[in-house]
Amino acid sequence: MPGELDPQVREFAEQLRRVVDRTGLSVAAVADRTGYSKTSWERYLNGRLLAPKGAIVALAEVTGTPPIHLTTMWELAERAWSRSEARHDRTMEAVRISQARAALGEFGPAPDVREFDAGRMALTPGVAGPAGVSPTMPVSREARETREKRGSAGGAPGGSGPRRATLFLAGVVGVVTIVVGAFLLTDGGDPRQAVGTTGSPSPASAAPSTALPSGVLCAGADCTGRDAEETGCSGDLVTTAKSATVGTTLVEVRFSRTCGAAWGRITGAAQGDGVRVTVGPVRQTGAVTVAGDTIAYTPMVAVKSAADATACAVLASGQQGCTP
């Protein structure tokens, strides 16, 4: 197990191992009987992934273990897992704030507008300056001399007064924006909420992962081609939207509203039997490849509604059938 694993999560994973060991079942057999993949159970038992509650209930049924005991331990482990994730989030936020402060340090203190105008800019009389800055404010002798020389030469190579004023204003606005951003990041509370109050969220800040339940790793198009168990989209978050019987095999459309995805599953199957799910032009497939296994499922496909998906069973015997 990972060395940094929370003690509560470690104890829970060890308890799962003891439950499985008492039955004498292999991991493959546990996967077959619970409907959760072998890869997922290996991760659950090694503490690399917290099992969803649905997997724990299924394990209790398969092993004859009172479910109340396992679910109680699962709830304690789930809280510990959430705390670990929260600590990780706070660490990452602290890193981002540190990086922002370091970046601000490269710019130095914001310039004083009057000093900038008097020492460098020397606004041309009669030309409006930045809002709140008078074009007739005192100008240093050196600035006047520079202006007179440039005026006698037909203007400065870098452009006229209005253009320089515009560039100056843009520079000031940029520095103020950076300073305000740093203030929002460091002014307490949740930095993500603070940033969100400045306007409509960008596509990146509105990514589904920021609003998903703990343990759910994808939503929508990001789920296409991924495993429902490994991304946390199964368990309590999944329902059977459609089903049909092909021979003695049950084929289903499994749907997770939280993840905005569907996938196909067959149960009561045999080696060589396959399943596919189709959503428009997108198709994913799965098959029973190990003798003794009776369940197979496809990777996920993003859907707006479960009605968009169709699952089909293609049996080794040649029989085929699909959900409505």
C-alpha atoms as a PDB file:
ATOM      1  CA  MET A   1       0.000   0.000   0.000  1.00  0.00           C
ATOM      2  CA  PRO A   2       1.131   3.624  -0.516  1.00  0.00           C
ATOM      3  CA  GLY A   3       3.258   4.792   2.395  1.00  0.00           C
ATOM      4  CA  GLU A   4       1.434   8.130   2.718  1.00  0.00           C
ATOM      5  CA  LEU A   5      -1.997   6.459   2.957  1.00  0.00           C
ATOM      6  CA  ASP A   6      -4.280   7.795   5.694  1.00  0.00           C
ATOM      7  CA  PRO A   7      -4.456   5.315   8.632  1.00  0.00           C
ATOM      8  CA  GLN A   8      -8.251   5.134   8.423  1.00  0.00           C
ATOM      9  CA  VAL A   9      -8.141   4.317   4.703  1.00  0.00           C
ATOM     10  CA  ARG A  10      -5.364   1.784   5.290  1.00  0.00           C
ATOM     11  CA  GLU A  11      -7.396   0.010   7.992  1.00  0.00           C
ATOM     12  CA  PHE A  12     -10.404  -0.140   5.683  1.00  0.00           C
ATOM     13  CA  ALA A  13      -8.376  -1.601   2.802  1.00  0.00           C
ATOM     14  CA  GLU A  14      -6.891  -4.209   5.146  1.00  0.00           C
ATOM     15  CA  GLN A  15     -10.387  -5.125   6.333  1.00  0.00           C
ATOM     16  CA  LEU A  16     -11.488  -5.620   2.717  1.00  0.00           C
ATOM     17  CA  ARG A  17      -8.516  -7.947   2.207  1.00  0.00           C
ATOM     18  CA  ARG A  18      -9.490 -10.003   5.252  1.00  0.00           C
ATOM     19  CA  VAL A  19     -13.072 -10.307   4.025  1.00  0.00           C
ATOM     20  CA  VAL A  20     -11.890 -11.526   0.617  1.00  0.00           C
ATOM     21  CA  ASP A  21      -9.283 -13.877   2.113  1.00  0.00           C
ATOM     22  CA  ARG A  22     -11.864 -15.561   4.370  1.00  0.00           C
ATOM     23  CA  THR A  23     -13.957 -16.541   1.351  1.00  0.00           C
ATOM     24  CA  GLY A  24     -11.013 -18.053  -0.520  1.00  0.00           C
ATOM     25  CA  LEU A  25     -12.157 -16.190  -3.666  1.00  0.00           C
ATOM     26  CA  SER A  26      -9.659 -14.798  -6.132  1.00  0.00           C
ATOM     27  CA  VAL A  27      -9.794 -11.134  -7.130  1.00  0.00           C
ATOM     28  CA  ALA A  28     -11.115 -12.203 -10.525  1.00  0.00           C
ATOM     29  CA  ALA A  29     -13.925 -14.157  -8.851  1.00  0.00           C
ATOM     30  CA  VAL A  30     -14.809 -11.190  -6.632  1.00  0.00           C
ATOM     31  CA  ALA A  31     -14.909  -8.960  -9.717  1.00  0.00           C
ATOM     32  CA  ASP A  32     -17.108 -11.450 -11.554  1.00  0.00           C
ATOM     33  CA  ARG A  33     -19.615 -11.772  -8.711  1.00  0.00           C
ATOM     34  CA  THR A  34     -19.826  -8.089  -7.755  1.00  0.00           C
ATOM     35  CA  GLY A  35     -19.896  -6.589 -11.239  1.00  0.00           C
ATOM     36  CA  TYR A  36     -16.843  -4.415 -10.600  1.00  0.00           C
ATOM     37  CA  SER A  37     -13.737  -4.992 -12.717  1.00  0.00           C
ATOM     38  CA  LYS A  38     -10.692  -6.948 -11.558  1.00  0.00           C
ATOM     39  CA  THR A  39      -8.482  -3.875 -12.079  1.00  0.00           C
ATOM     40  CA  SER A  40     -10.774  -1.824  -9.846  1.00  0.00           C
ATOM     41  CA  TRP A  41     -10.744  -4.431  -7.050  1.00  0.00           C
ATOM     42  CA  GLU A  42      -6.953  -4.632  -7.173  1.00  0.00           C
ATOM     43  CA  ARG A  43      -6.846  -0.885  -6.601  1.00  0.00           C
ATOM     44  CA  TYR A  44      -9.448  -1.021  -3.837  1.00  0.00           C
ATOM     45  CA  LEU A  45      -7.593  -3.776  -1.981  1.00  0.00           C
ATOM     46  CA  ASN A  46      -4.212  -2.017  -2.345  1.00  0.00           C
ATOM     47  CA  GLY A  47      -5.536   1.324  -1.084  1.00  0.00           C
ATOM     48  CA  ARG A  48      -4.780   3.126  -4.348  1.00  0.00           C
ATOM     49  CA  LEU A  49      -8.462   3.937  -4.890  1.00  0.00           C
ATOM     50  CA  LEU A  50     -11.355   4.167  -2.431  1.00  0.00           C
ATOM     51  CA  ALA A  51     -14.050   1.683  -3.386  1.00  0.00           C
ATOM     52  CA  PRO A  52     -17.489   3.192  -4.102  1.00  0.00           C
ATOM     53  CA  LYS A  53     -20.226   2.318  -1.643  1.00  0.00           C
ATOM     54  CA  GLY A  54     -21.958   0.174  -4.251  1.00  0.00           C
ATOM     55  CA  ALA A  55     -18.898  -2.082  -4.507  1.00  0.00           C
ATOM     56  CA  ILE A  56     -18.827  -2.507  -0.729  1.00  0.00           C
ATOM     57  CA  VAL A  57     -22.504  -3.463  -0.595  1.00  0.00           C
ATOM     58  CA  ALA A  58     -21.954  -5.950  -3.434  1.00  0.00           C
ATOM     59  CA  LEU A  59     -18.925  -7.466  -1.637  1.00  0.00           C
ATOM     60  CA  ALA A  60     -20.950  -7.877   1.552  1.00  0.00           C
ATOM     61  CA  GLU A  61     -23.660  -9.738  -0.372  1.00  0.00           C
ATOM     62  CA  VAL A  62     -21.145 -12.007  -2.120  1.00  0.00           C
ATOM     63  CA  THR A  63     -19.220 -12.879   1.057  1.00  0.00           C
ATOM     64  CA  GLY A  64     -22.133 -13.047   3.494  1.00  0.00           C
ATOM     65  CA  THR A  65     -20.677 -10.196   5.558  1.00  0.00           C
ATOM     66  CA  PRO A  66     -23.175  -7.976   7.442  1.00  0.00           C
ATOM     67  CA  PRO A  67     -23.255  -4.865   5.218  1.00  0.00           C
ATOM     68  CA  ILE A  68     -23.691  -2.487   8.163  1.00  0.00           C
ATOM     69  CA  HIS A  69     -20.170  -3.269   9.394  1.00  0.00           C
ATOM     70  CA  LEU A  70     -18.486  -2.674   6.036  1.00  0.00           C
ATOM     71  CA  THR A  71     -20.510   0.429   5.198  1.00  0.00           C
ATOM     72  CA  THR A  72     -19.734   1.966   8.594  1.00  0.00           C
ATOM     73  CA  MET A  73     -16.020   1.470   8.027  1.00  0.00           C
ATOM     74  CA  TRP A  74     -16.424   2.778   4.470  1.00  0.00           C
ATOM     75  CA  GLU A  75     -18.025   6.005   5.732  1.00  0.00           C
ATOM     76  CA  LEU A  76     -15.076   6.615   8.068  1.00  0.00           C
ATOM     77  CA  ALA A  77     -12.605   5.870   5.274  1.00  0.00           C
ATOM     78  CA  GLU A  78     -14.517   8.125   2.856  1.00  0.00           C
ATOM     79  CA  ARG A  79     -14.256  11.059   5.283  1.00  0.00           C
ATOM     80  CA  ALA A  80     -10.535  10.435   5.722  1.00  0.00           C
ATOM     81  CA  TRP A  81     -10.092  10.222   1.959  1.00  0.00           C
ATOM     82  CA  SER A  82     -11.944  13.539   1.523  1.00  0.00           C
ATOM     83  CA  ARG A  83      -9.761  15.177   4.171  1.00  0.00           C
ATOM     84  CA  SER A  84      -6.637  13.992   2.368  1.00  0.00           C
ATOM     85  CA  GLU A  85      -7.930  15.448  -0.888  1.00  0.00           C
ATOM     86  CA  ALA A  86      -8.743  18.731   0.871  1.00  0.00           C
ATOM     87  CA  ARG A  87      -5.204  18.917   2.270  1.00  0.00           C
ATOM     88  CA  HIS A  88      -3.840  18.311  -1.204  1.00  0.00           C
ATOM     89  CA  ASP A  89      -6.055  21.087  -2.598  1.00  0.00           C
ATOM     90  CA  ARG A  90      -4.857  23.537   0.074  1.00  0.00           C
ATOM     91  CA  THR A  91      -1.246  22.660  -0.677  1.00  0.00           C
ATOM     92  CA  MET A  92      -1.761  23.309  -4.383  1.00  0.00           C
ATOM     93  CA  GLU A  93      -3.507  26.616  -3.644  1.00  0.00           C
ATOM     94  CA  ALA A  94      -0.588  27.694  -1.447  1.00  0.00           C
ATOM     95  CA  VAL A  95       1.810  26.841  -4.261  1.00  0.00           C
ATOM     96  CA  ARG A  96      -0.221  28.904  -6.739  1.00  0.00           C
ATOM     97  CA  ILE A  97      -0.341  31.870  -4.353  1.00  0.00           C
ATOM     98  CA  SER A  98       3.426  31.631  -3.802  1.00  0.00           C
ATOM     99  CA  GLN A  99       3.976  31.566  -7.552  1.00  0.00           C
ATOM    100  CA  ALA A 100       1.716  34.599  -8.005  1.00  0.00           C
ATOM    101  CA  ARG A 101       3.623  36.539  -5.356  1.00  0.00           C
ATOM    102  CA  ALA A 102       6.929  35.590  -6.917  1.00  0.00           C
ATOM    103  CA  ALA A 103       5.673  36.746 -10.312  1.00  0.00           C
ATOM    104  CA  LEU A 104       4.512  40.055  -8.838  1.00  0.00           C
ATOM    105  CA  GLY A 105       7.950  40.544  -7.295  1.00  0.00           C
ATOM    106  CA  GLU A 106       9.468  40.609 -10.774  1.00  0.00           C
ATOM    107  CA  PHE A 107       7.426  43.720 -11.649  1.00  0.00           C
ATOM    108  CA  GLY A 108       8.371  45.708  -8.555  1.00  0.00           C
ATOM    109  CA  PRO A 109       6.101  48.391  -6.983  1.00  0.00           C
ATOM    110  CA  ALA A 110       3.536  50.110  -9.171  1.00  0.00           C
ATOM    111  CA  PRO A 111       4.873  53.441 -10.546  1.00  0.00           C
ATOM    112  CA  ASP A 112       3.551  56.790  -9.326  1.00  0.00           C
ATOM    113  CA  VAL A 113       1.547  58.356 -12.141  1.00  0.00           C
ATOM    114  CA  ARG A 114       2.726  61.911 -11.483  1.00  0.00           C
ATOM    115  CA  GLU A 115       6.369  60.940 -11.278  1.00  0.00           C
ATOM    116  CA  PHE A 116       6.073  58.930 -14.452  1.00  0.00           C
ATOM    117  CA  ASP A 117       4.504  61.887 -16.248  1.00  0.00           C
ATOM    118  CA  ALA A 118       6.940  64.469 -14.912  1.00  0.00           C
ATOM    119  CA  GLY A 119      10.149  62.484 -15.345  1.00  0.00           C
ATOM    120  CA  ARG A 120       9.461  60.629 -18.605  1.00  0.00           C
ATOM    121  CA  MET A 121       6.210  61.314 -20.327  1.00  0.00           C
ATOM    122  CA  ALA A 122       6.046  65.111 -20.542  1.00  0.00           C
ATOM    123  CA  LEU A 123       2.543  65.284 -21.987  1.00  0.00           C
ATOM    124  CA  THR A 124       2.135  67.712 -24.858  1.00  0.00           C
ATOM    125  CA  PRO A 125       0.085  70.799 -23.835  1.00  0.00           C
ATOM    126  CA  GLY A 126      -3.479  70.662 -25.118  1.00  0.00           C
ATOM    127  CA  VAL A 127      -3.542  66.849 -25.372  1.00  0.00           C
ATOM    128  CA  ALA A 128      -5.790  65.040 -22.920  1.00  0.00           C
ATOM    129  CA  GLY A 129      -3.906  62.683 -20.608  1.00  0.00           C
ATOM    130  CA  PRO A 130      -5.122  59.579 -18.758  1.00  0.00           C
ATOM    131  CA  ALA A 131      -8.302  59.930 -16.727  1.00  0.00           C
ATOM    132  CA  GLY A 132      -7.638  61.997 -13.617  1.00  0.00           C
ATOM    133  CA  VAL A 133      -4.217  63.269 -14.815  1.00  0.00           C
ATOM    134  CA  SER A 134      -4.020  66.914 -15.738  1.00  0.00           C
ATOM    135  CA  PRO A 135      -2.091  67.688 -18.982  1.00  0.00           C
ATOM    136  CA  THR A 136      -0.861  70.946 -17.383  1.00  0.00           C
ATOM    137  CA  MET A 137       0.702  69.424 -14.262  1.00  0.00           C
ATOM    138  CA  PRO A 138       4.244  70.602 -13.436  1.00  0.00           C
ATOM    139  CA  VAL A 139       6.926  69.136 -15.656  1.00  0.00           C
ATOM    140  CA  SER A 140      10.594  68.898 -14.716  1.00  0.00           C
ATOM    141  CA  ARG A 141      13.186  71.025 -16.485  1.00  0.00           C
ATOM    142  CA  GLU A 142      14.784  67.973 -18.049  1.00  0.00           C
ATOM    143  CA  ALA A 143      11.414  66.827 -19.404  1.00  0.00           C
ATOM    144  CA  ARG A 144      10.712  70.302 -20.855  1.00  0.00           C
ATOM    145  CA  GLU A 145      14.080  70.384 -22.534  1.00  0.00           C
ATOM    146  CA  THR A 146      13.558  66.924 -23.961  1.00  0.00           C
ATOM    147  CA  ARG A 147      10.102  67.897 -25.216  1.00  0.00           C
ATOM    148  CA  GLU A 148      11.390  71.115 -26.806  1.00  0.00           C
ATOM    149  CA  LYS A 149      14.184  69.260 -28.558  1.00  0.00           C
ATOM    150  CA  ARG A 150      11.798  66.619 -29.867  1.00  0.00           C
ATOM    151  CA  GLY A 151       9.287  69.289 -30.886  1.00  0.00           C
ATOM    152  CA  SER A 152      11.891  71.161 -32.867  1.00  0.00           C
ATOM    153  CA  ALA A 153      12.893  67.922 -34.594  1.00  0.00           C
ATOM    154  CA  GLY A 154       9.319  67.200 -35.701  1.00  0.00           C
ATOM    155  CA  GLY A 155       8.338  64.726 -32.965  1.00  0.00           C
ATOM    156  CA  ALA A 156       9.937  61.849 -31.099  1.00  0.00           C
ATOM    157  CA  PRO A 157      10.855  58.712 -33.018  1.00  0.00           C
ATOM    158  CA  GLY A 158       8.747  56.621 -30.684  1.00  0.00           C
ATOM    159  CA  GLY A 159       5.485  58.397 -31.588  1.00  0.00           C
ATOM    160  CA  SER A 160       3.444  61.453 -30.547  1.00  0.00           C
ATOM    161  CA  GLY A 161       2.116  62.399 -27.139  1.00  0.00           C
ATOM    162  CA  PRO A 162      -1.291  60.701 -27.489  1.00  0.00           C
ATOM    163  CA  ARG A 163       0.290  57.388 -28.433  1.00  0.00           C
ATOM    164  CA  ARG A 164       2.712  57.498 -25.509  1.00  0.00           C
ATOM    165  CA  ALA A 165      -0.192  58.382 -23.168  1.00  0.00           C
ATOM    166  CA  THR A 166      -2.135  55.368 -24.419  1.00  0.00           C
ATOM    167  CA  LEU A 167       0.814  53.033 -23.894  1.00  0.00           C
ATOM    168  CA  PHE A 168       1.350  54.426 -20.417  1.00  0.00           C
ATOM    169  CA  LEU A 169      -2.293  53.927 -19.475  1.00  0.00           C
ATOM    170  CA  ALA A 170      -2.195  50.330 -20.717  1.00  0.00           C
ATOM    171  CA  GLY A 171       0.891  49.671 -18.590  1.00  0.00           C
ATOM    172  CA  VAL A 172      -0.733  51.097 -15.455  1.00  0.00           C
ATOM    173  CA  VAL A 173      -3.909  49.075 -16.024  1.00  0.00           C
ATOM    174  CA  GLY A 174      -1.822  45.893 -16.443  1.00  0.00           C
ATOM    175  CA  VAL A 175       0.033  46.433 -13.157  1.00  0.00           C
ATOM    176  CA  VAL A 176      -3.192  47.256 -11.287  1.00  0.00           C
ATOM    177  CA  THR A 177      -4.845  44.108 -12.691  1.00  0.00           C
ATOM    178  CA  ILE A 178      -1.991  41.928 -11.431  1.00  0.00           C
ATOM    179  CA  VAL A 179      -2.060  43.537  -7.987  1.00  0.00           C
ATOM    180  CA  VAL A 180      -5.855  43.124  -7.696  1.00  0.00           C
ATOM    181  CA  GLY A 181      -5.543  39.485  -8.762  1.00  0.00           C
ATOM    182  CA  ALA A 182      -2.954  38.813  -6.072  1.00  0.00           C
ATOM    183  CA  PHE A 183      -5.177  40.514  -3.476  1.00  0.00           C
ATOM    184  CA  LEU A 184      -8.100  38.276  -4.368  1.00  0.00           C
ATOM    185  CA  LEU A 185      -5.893  35.193  -4.082  1.00  0.00           C
ATOM    186  CA  THR A 186      -4.537  36.129  -0.664  1.00  0.00           C
ATOM    187  CA  ASP A 187      -7.549  37.888   0.908  1.00  0.00           C
ATOM    188  CA  GLY A 188      -8.785  34.817   2.749  1.00  0.00           C
ATOM    189  CA  GLY A 189     -11.591  32.450   1.897  1.00  0.00           C
ATOM    190  CA  ASP A 190     -11.587  30.160  -1.067  1.00  0.00           C
ATOM    191  CA  PRO A 191      -9.381  31.606  -3.835  1.00  0.00           C
ATOM    192  CA  ARG A 192     -11.513  29.890  -6.458  1.00  0.00           C
ATOM    193  CA  GLN A 193     -14.625  31.654  -5.145  1.00  0.00           C
ATOM    194  CA  ALA A 194     -12.837  34.988  -5.011  1.00  0.00           C
ATOM    195  CA  VAL A 195     -11.700  34.771  -8.593  1.00  0.00           C
ATOM    196  CA  GLY A 196     -15.149  33.665  -9.674  1.00  0.00           C
ATOM    197  CA  THR A 197     -16.698  36.925  -8.383  1.00  0.00           C
ATOM    198  CA  THR A 198     -14.810  39.070 -10.881  1.00  0.00           C
ATOM    199  CA  GLY A 199     -16.960  38.063 -13.853  1.00  0.00           C
ATOM    200  CA  SER A 200     -18.202  35.175 -15.931  1.00  0.00           C
ATOM    201  CA  PRO A 201     -15.993  32.106 -15.578  1.00  0.00           C
ATOM    202  CA  SER A 202     -13.684  31.182 -18.394  1.00  0.00           C
ATOM    203  CA  PRO A 203     -14.090  27.751 -20.027  1.00  0.00           C
ATOM    204  CA  ALA A 204     -11.154  26.473 -17.969  1.00  0.00           C
ATOM    205  CA  SER A 205     -12.594  27.635 -14.636  1.00  0.00           C
ATOM    206  CA  ALA A 206     -15.968  26.149 -15.547  1.00  0.00           C
ATOM    207  CA  ALA A 207     -14.495  22.675 -16.131  1.00  0.00           C
ATOM    208  CA  PRO A 208     -16.801  19.946 -14.771  1.00  0.00           C
ATOM    209  CA  SER A 209     -14.115  18.530 -12.468  1.00  0.00           C
ATOM    210  CA  THR A 210     -14.349  21.586 -10.118  1.00  0.00           C
ATOM    211  CA  ALA A 211     -18.022  20.823  -9.352  1.00  0.00           C
ATOM    212  CA  LEU A 212     -17.991  17.014  -9.317  1.00  0.00           C
ATOM    213  CA  PRO A 213     -18.503  14.897  -6.180  1.00  0.00           C
ATOM    214  CA  SER A 214     -15.450  13.558  -4.419  1.00  0.00           C
ATOM    215  CA  GLY A 215     -13.965  10.593  -6.264  1.00  0.00           C
ATOM    216  CA  VAL A 216     -15.593  11.407  -9.624  1.00  0.00           C
ATOM    217  CA  LEU A 217     -12.860  12.156 -12.147  1.00  0.00           C
ATOM    218  CA  CYS A 218     -14.656  13.138 -15.350  1.00  0.00           C
ATOM    219  CA  ALA A 219     -17.848  14.470 -16.891  1.00  0.00           C
ATOM    220  CA  GLY A 220     -19.260  14.738 -20.398  1.00  0.00           C
ATOM    221  CA  ALA A 221     -16.849  14.464 -23.306  1.00  0.00           C
ATOM    222  CA  ASP A 222     -13.944  13.928 -20.910  1.00  0.00           C
ATOM    223  CA  CYS A 223     -15.464  10.547 -19.967  1.00  0.00           C
ATOM    224  CA  THR A 224     -15.596   9.137 -23.504  1.00  0.00           C
ATOM    225  CA  GLY A 225     -13.338   6.103 -23.802  1.00  0.00           C
ATOM    226  CA  ARG A 226     -12.681   5.894 -20.040  1.00  0.00           C
ATOM    227  CA  ASP A 227     -13.538   3.179 -17.509  1.00  0.00           C
ATOM    228  CA  ALA A 228     -16.657   3.874 -15.431  1.00  0.00           C
ATOM    229  CA  GLU A 229     -15.286   2.162 -12.323  1.00  0.00           C
ATOM    230  CA  GLU A 230     -11.897   3.825 -12.385  1.00  0.00           C
ATOM    231  CA  THR A 231     -13.374   7.305 -12.846  1.00  0.00           C
ATOM    232  CA  GLY A 232     -15.938   6.933 -10.047  1.00  0.00           C
ATOM    233  CA  CYS A 233     -18.938   7.144 -12.404  1.00  0.00           C
ATOM    234  CA  SER A 234     -20.416   3.805 -11.295  1.00  0.00           C
ATOM    235  CA  GLY A 235     -21.538   2.582  -7.879  1.00  0.00           C
ATOM    236  CA  ASP A 236     -24.291   4.759  -6.408  1.00  0.00           C
ATOM    237  CA  LEU A 237     -24.165   7.116  -9.409  1.00  0.00           C
ATOM    238  CA  VAL A 238     -25.326   4.631 -12.058  1.00  0.00           C
ATOM    239  CA  THR A 239     -28.705   3.300 -13.150  1.00  0.00           C
ATOM    240  CA  THR A 240     -29.827   0.857 -15.825  1.00  0.00           C
ATOM    241  CA  ALA A 241     -31.597   2.958 -18.441  1.00  0.00           C
ATOM    242  CA  LYS A 242     -32.460   0.174 -20.916  1.00  0.00           C
ATOM    243  CA  SER A 243     -32.150  -3.596 -21.041  1.00  0.00           C
ATOM    244  CA  ALA A 244     -32.833  -6.579 -23.266  1.00  0.00           C
ATOM    245  CA  THR A 245     -32.264 -10.334 -23.129  1.00  0.00           C
ATOM    246  CA  VAL A 246     -30.296 -12.142 -25.824  1.00  0.00           C
ATOM    247  CA  GLY A 247     -30.456 -15.885 -25.211  1.00  0.00           C
ATOM    248  CA  THR A 248     -29.611 -16.155 -21.532  1.00  0.00           C
ATOM    249  CA  THR A 249     -27.497 -12.988 -21.546  1.00  0.00           C
ATOM    250  CA  LEU A 250     -28.722  -9.648 -20.238  1.00  0.00           C
ATOM    251  CA  VAL A 251     -27.534  -6.547 -22.110  1.00  0.00           C
ATOM    252  CA  GLU A 252     -27.953  -3.114 -20.520  1.00  0.00           C
ATOM    253  CA  VAL A 253     -27.369   0.582 -21.104  1.00  0.00           C
ATOM    254  CA  ARG A 254     -25.765   1.837 -17.911  1.00  0.00           C
ATOM    255  CA  PHE A 255     -26.137   5.590 -17.343  1.00  0.00           C
ATOM    256  CA  SER A 256     -24.535   8.054 -14.926  1.00  0.00           C
ATOM    257  CA  ARG A 257     -26.292  11.414 -14.855  1.00  0.00           C
ATOM    258  CA  THR A 258     -23.507  12.908 -12.714  1.00  0.00           C
ATOM    259  CA  CYS A 259     -20.865  12.025 -15.303  1.00  0.00           C
ATOM    260  CA  GLY A 260     -23.102  12.636 -18.318  1.00  0.00           C
ATOM    261  CA  ALA A 261     -22.051   9.293 -19.781  1.00  0.00           C
ATOM    262  CA  ALA A 262     -23.400   5.866 -20.706  1.00  0.00           C
ATOM    263  CA  TRP A 263     -21.870   2.462 -21.372  1.00  0.00           C
ATOM    264  CA  GLY A 264     -22.936  -1.042 -22.299  1.00  0.00           C
ATOM    265  CA  ARG A 265     -22.834  -4.090 -20.016  1.00  0.00           C
ATOM    266  CA  ILE A 266     -23.611  -7.782 -20.412  1.00  0.00           C
ATOM    267  CA  THR A 267     -24.156 -10.233 -17.561  1.00  0.00           C
ATOM    268  CA  GLY A 268     -24.697 -13.973 -17.627  1.00  0.00           C
ATOM    269  CA  ALA A 269     -22.269 -14.045 -20.541  1.00  0.00           C
ATOM    270  CA  ALA A 270     -19.540 -16.500 -21.557  1.00  0.00           C
ATOM    271  CA  GLN A 271     -16.023 -16.253 -22.968  1.00  0.00           C
ATOM    272  CA  GLY A 272     -16.139 -14.774 -26.453  1.00  0.00           C
ATOM    273  CA  ASP A 273     -19.370 -12.842 -25.912  1.00  0.00           C
ATOM    274  CA  GLY A 274     -19.137  -9.138 -26.701  1.00  0.00           C
ATOM    275  CA  VAL A 275     -20.997  -5.922 -25.965  1.00  0.00           C
ATOM    276  CA  ARG A 276     -21.039  -2.546 -27.679  1.00  0.00           C
ATOM    277  CA  VAL A 277     -22.636   0.820 -26.973  1.00  0.00           C
ATOM    278  CA  THR A 278     -23.463   3.338 -29.693  1.00  0.00           C
ATOM    279  CA  VAL A 279     -24.243   7.046 -29.416  1.00  0.00           C
ATOM    280  CA  GLY A 280     -24.627   8.564 -32.874  1.00  0.00           C
ATOM    281  CA  PRO A 281     -21.367   7.907 -34.736  1.00  0.00           C
ATOM    282  CA  VAL A 282     -19.452   7.052 -31.536  1.00  0.00           C
ATOM    283  CA  ARG A 283     -19.044   3.380 -30.570  1.00  0.00           C
ATOM    284  CA  GLN A 284     -17.262   1.591 -27.736  1.00  0.00           C
ATOM    285  CA  THR A 285     -16.894  -2.189 -27.313  1.00  0.00           C
ATOM    286  CA  GLY A 286     -16.057  -4.750 -24.645  1.00  0.00           C
ATOM    287  CA  ALA A 287     -15.901  -8.537 -24.387  1.00  0.00           C
ATOM    288  CA  VAL A 288     -15.553 -11.479 -22.004  1.00  0.00           C
ATOM    289  CA  THR A 289     -11.969 -12.598 -22.565  1.00  0.00           C
ATOM    290  CA  VAL A 290     -11.310 -14.819 -19.527  1.00  0.00           C
ATOM    291  CA  ALA A 291     -12.860 -18.237 -19.062  1.00  0.00           C
ATOM    292  CA  GLY A 292     -15.210 -18.215 -16.097  1.00  0.00           C
ATOM    293  CA  ASP A 293     -16.016 -14.492 -16.318  1.00  0.00           C
ATOM    294  CA  THR A 294     -19.683 -13.702 -16.933  1.00  0.00           C
ATOM    295  CA  ILE A 295     -19.650  -9.904 -17.066  1.00  0.00           C
ATOM    296  CA  ALA A 296     -18.203  -7.441 -19.560  1.00  0.00           C
ATOM    297  CA  TYR A 297     -18.736  -3.758 -20.116  1.00  0.00           C
ATOM    298  CA  THR A 298     -17.622  -1.095 -22.562  1.00  0.00           C
ATOM    299  CA  PRO A 299     -15.779   2.167 -21.961  1.00  0.00           C
ATOM    300  CA  MET A 300     -18.040   5.204 -21.556  1.00  0.00           C
ATOM    301  CA  VAL A 301     -19.541   7.488 -24.184  1.00  0.00           C
ATOM    302  CA  ALA A 302     -20.694  11.036 -23.406  1.00  0.00           C
ATOM    303  CA  VAL A 303     -24.469  11.519 -23.667  1.00  0.00           C
ATOM    304  CA  LYS A 304     -26.970  14.273 -22.968  1.00  0.00           C
ATOM    305  CA  SER A 305     -29.657  11.695 -22.252  1.00  0.00           C
ATOM    306  CA  ALA A 306     -29.662   7.948 -21.690  1.00  0.00           C
ATOM    307  CA  ALA A 307     -32.142   7.721 -24.553  1.00  0.00           C
ATOM    308  CA  ASP A 308     -29.280   8.604 -26.938  1.00  0.00           C
ATOM    309  CA  ALA A 309     -27.455   5.313 -26.219  1.00  0.00           C
ATOM    310  CA  THR A 310     -28.065   1.805 -27.535  1.00  0.00           C
ATOM    311  CA  ALA A 311     -26.321  -1.305 -26.205  1.00  0.00           C
ATOM    312  CA  CYS A 312     -26.007  -4.553 -28.160  1.00  0.00           C
ATOM    313  CA  ALA A 313     -24.843  -8.050 -27.255  1.00  0.00           C
ATOM    314  CA  VAL A 314     -22.919 -10.070 -29.828  1.00  0.00           C
ATOM    315  CA  LEU A 315     -22.637 -13.627 -28.532  1.00  0.00           C
ATOM    316  CA  ALA A 316     -20.048 -16.217 -29.501  1.00  0.00           C
ATOM    317  CA  SER A 317     -22.955 -18.454 -30.561  1.00  0.00           C
ATOM    318  CA  GLY A 318     -23.829 -15.954 -33.287  1.00  0.00           C
ATOM    319  CA  GLN A 319     -26.894 -14.505 -31.555  1.00  0.00           C
ATOM    320  CA  GLN A 320     -27.222 -10.718 -31.496  1.00  0.00           C
ATOM    321  CA  GLY A 321     -29.637  -8.329 -29.884  1.00  0.00           C
ATOM    322  CA  CYS A 322     -29.913  -4.714 -28.791  1.00  0.00           C
ATOM    323  CA  THR A 323     -31.747  -2.582 -26.275  1.00  0.00           C
ATOM    324  CA  PRO A 324     -34.742  -0.580 -27.538  1.00  0.00           C
END
